[in-house]
C-alpha atoms as a PDB file:
ATOM      1  CA  MET A   1       0.095  28.195 -18.692  1.00  0.00           C
ATOM      2  CA  GLN A   2       2.283  29.595 -16.029  1.00  0.00           C
ATOM      3  CA  ILE A   3       1.342  30.390 -12.464  1.00  0.00           C
ATOM      4  CA  THR A   4       3.670  31.204  -9.624  1.00  0.00           C
ATOM      5  CA  GLY A   5       3.774  29.744  -6.152  1.00  0.00           C
ATOM      6  CA  LYS A   6       2.908  33.196  -4.860  1.00  0.00           C
ATOM      7  CA  GLU A   7      -0.242  33.287  -7.016  1.00  0.00           C
ATOM      8  CA  ILE A   8      -1.246  29.837  -5.788  1.00  0.00           C
ATOM      9  CA  ALA A   9      -0.624  30.891  -2.185  1.00  0.00           C
ATOM     10  CA  LEU A  10      -2.787  34.000  -2.573  1.00  0.00           C
ATOM     11  CA  ALA A  11      -5.584  32.000  -4.214  1.00  0.00           C
ATOM     12  CA  VAL A  12      -5.774  29.463  -1.387  1.00  0.00           C
ATOM     13  CA  GLY A  13      -4.843  31.625   1.590  1.00  0.00           C
ATOM     14  CA  LYS A  14      -1.492  29.990   2.326  1.00  0.00           C
ATOM     15  CA  THR A  15       2.042  31.314   2.477  1.00  0.00           C
ATOM     16  CA  PRO A  16       4.413  30.939  -0.467  1.00  0.00           C
ATOM     17  CA  ALA A  17       6.623  28.849   1.846  1.00  0.00           C
ATOM     18  CA  ALA A  18       3.750  26.421   2.460  1.00  0.00           C
ATOM     19  CA  ILE A  19       3.197  26.077  -1.285  1.00  0.00           C
ATOM     20  CA  SER A  20       6.915  25.537  -1.853  1.00  0.00           C
ATOM     21  CA  TYR A  21       6.937  22.806   0.797  1.00  0.00           C
ATOM     22  CA  LEU A  22       3.908  21.162  -0.794  1.00  0.00           C
ATOM     23  CA  LYS A  23       5.610  21.257  -4.197  1.00  0.00           C
ATOM     24  CA  LYS A  24       8.744  19.585  -2.824  1.00  0.00           C
ATOM     25  CA  LYS A  25       7.185  17.009  -0.520  1.00  0.00           C
ATOM     26  CA  HIS A  26       3.767  16.279  -2.030  1.00  0.00           C
ATOM     27  CA  GLN A  27       4.103  16.723  -5.788  1.00  0.00           C
ATOM     28  CA  GLU A  28       0.823  15.061  -6.758  1.00  0.00           C
ATOM     29  CA  GLU A  29      -1.203  17.226  -4.366  1.00  0.00           C
ATOM     30  CA  PHE A  30       0.675  20.316  -5.567  1.00  0.00           C
ATOM     31  CA  SER A  31      -0.151  19.458  -9.191  1.00  0.00           C
ATOM     32  CA  LEU A  32      -3.842  19.118  -8.372  1.00  0.00           C
ATOM     33  CA  LEU A  33      -3.843  22.382  -6.428  1.00  0.00           C
ATOM     34  CA  ARG A  34      -2.023  24.143  -9.278  1.00  0.00           C
ATOM     35  CA  LEU A  35      -4.533  22.791 -11.780  1.00  0.00           C
ATOM     36  CA  GLY A  36      -7.429  23.953  -9.621  1.00  0.00           C
ATOM     37  CA  VAL A  37      -6.022  27.454  -9.262  1.00  0.00           C
ATOM     38  CA  LEU A  38      -5.353  27.674 -13.012  1.00  0.00           C
ATOM     39  CA  CYS A  39      -8.911  26.573 -13.748  1.00  0.00           C
ATOM     40  CA  LYS A  40     -10.279  29.180 -11.371  1.00  0.00           C
ATOM     41  CA  LYS A  41      -8.023  31.869 -12.840  1.00  0.00           C
ATOM     42  CA  PHE A  42      -9.153  31.149 -16.404  1.00  0.00           C
ATOM     43  CA  GLY A  43     -12.812  30.373 -15.615  1.00  0.00           C
ATOM     44  CA  ILE A  44     -12.649  26.688 -16.505  1.00  0.00           C
ATOM     45  CA  SER A  45     -15.491  24.756 -14.865  1.00  0.00           C
ATOM     46  CA  ASP A  46     -15.666  21.139 -13.736  1.00  0.00           C
ATOM     47  CA  GLU A  47     -18.053  20.536 -16.617  1.00  0.00           C
ATOM     48  CA  ASP A  48     -15.481  21.910 -19.080  1.00  0.00           C
ATOM     49  CA  ILE A  49     -12.842  19.512 -17.728  1.00  0.00           C
ATOM     50  CA  GLU A  50     -15.235  16.561 -17.900  1.00  0.00           C
ATOM     51  CA  ALA A  51     -16.074  17.427 -21.520  1.00  0.00           C
ATOM     52  CA  LEU A  52     -12.380  17.604 -22.418  1.00  0.00           C
ATOM     53  CA  LEU A  53     -11.729  14.241 -20.798  1.00  0.00           C
ATOM     54  CA  LEU A  54     -14.639  12.722 -22.701  1.00  0.00           C
ATOM     55  CA  LEU A  55     -13.274  14.074 -25.980  1.00  0.00           C
ATOM     56  CA  LYS A  56      -9.805  12.805 -25.130  1.00  0.00           C
ATOM     57  CA  ASN A  57     -11.107   9.338 -24.332  1.00  0.00           C
ATOM     58  CA  ARG A  58     -13.104   9.225 -27.561  1.00  0.00           C
ATOM     59  CA  GLY A  59      -9.984  10.226 -29.475  1.00  0.00           C
ATOM     60  CA  LEU A  60      -7.938   7.522 -27.791  1.00  0.00           C
ATOM     61  CA  HIS A  61     -10.615   4.950 -28.596  1.00  0.00           C
ATOM     62  CA  LYS A  62     -10.667   5.995 -32.258  1.00  0.00           C
ATOM     63  CA  SER A  63      -6.863   5.766 -32.414  1.00  0.00           C
ATOM     64  CA  ALA A  64      -6.952   2.280 -30.936  1.00  0.00           C
ATOM     65  CA  VAL A  65      -9.542   1.159 -33.498  1.00  0.00           C
ATOM     66  CA  VAL A  66      -7.554   2.657 -36.383  1.00  0.00           C
ATOM     67  CA  TYR A  67      -4.403   0.872 -35.254  1.00  0.00           C
ATOM     68  CA  GLY A  68      -6.220  -2.431 -34.640  1.00  0.00           C
ATOM     69  CA  HIS A  69      -6.290  -2.339 -30.831  1.00  0.00           C
ATOM     70  CA  GLY A  70     -10.018  -1.879 -30.349  1.00  0.00           C
END
């Protein structure tokens, strides 16, 4: 999913320059902000993300058991 710095800036009330600075100097925070804006844009709730993480963790556990690591 693509989203521009300008879209992020509009969503959070900042300038595109501020978002660009954040992306360059604080990459982890930028990634979280980008993820949040994408979730808002596509109507993905916190509960949806938690459910996906739960499914992912279950899948990782099953893989570990299958390969003898669990």
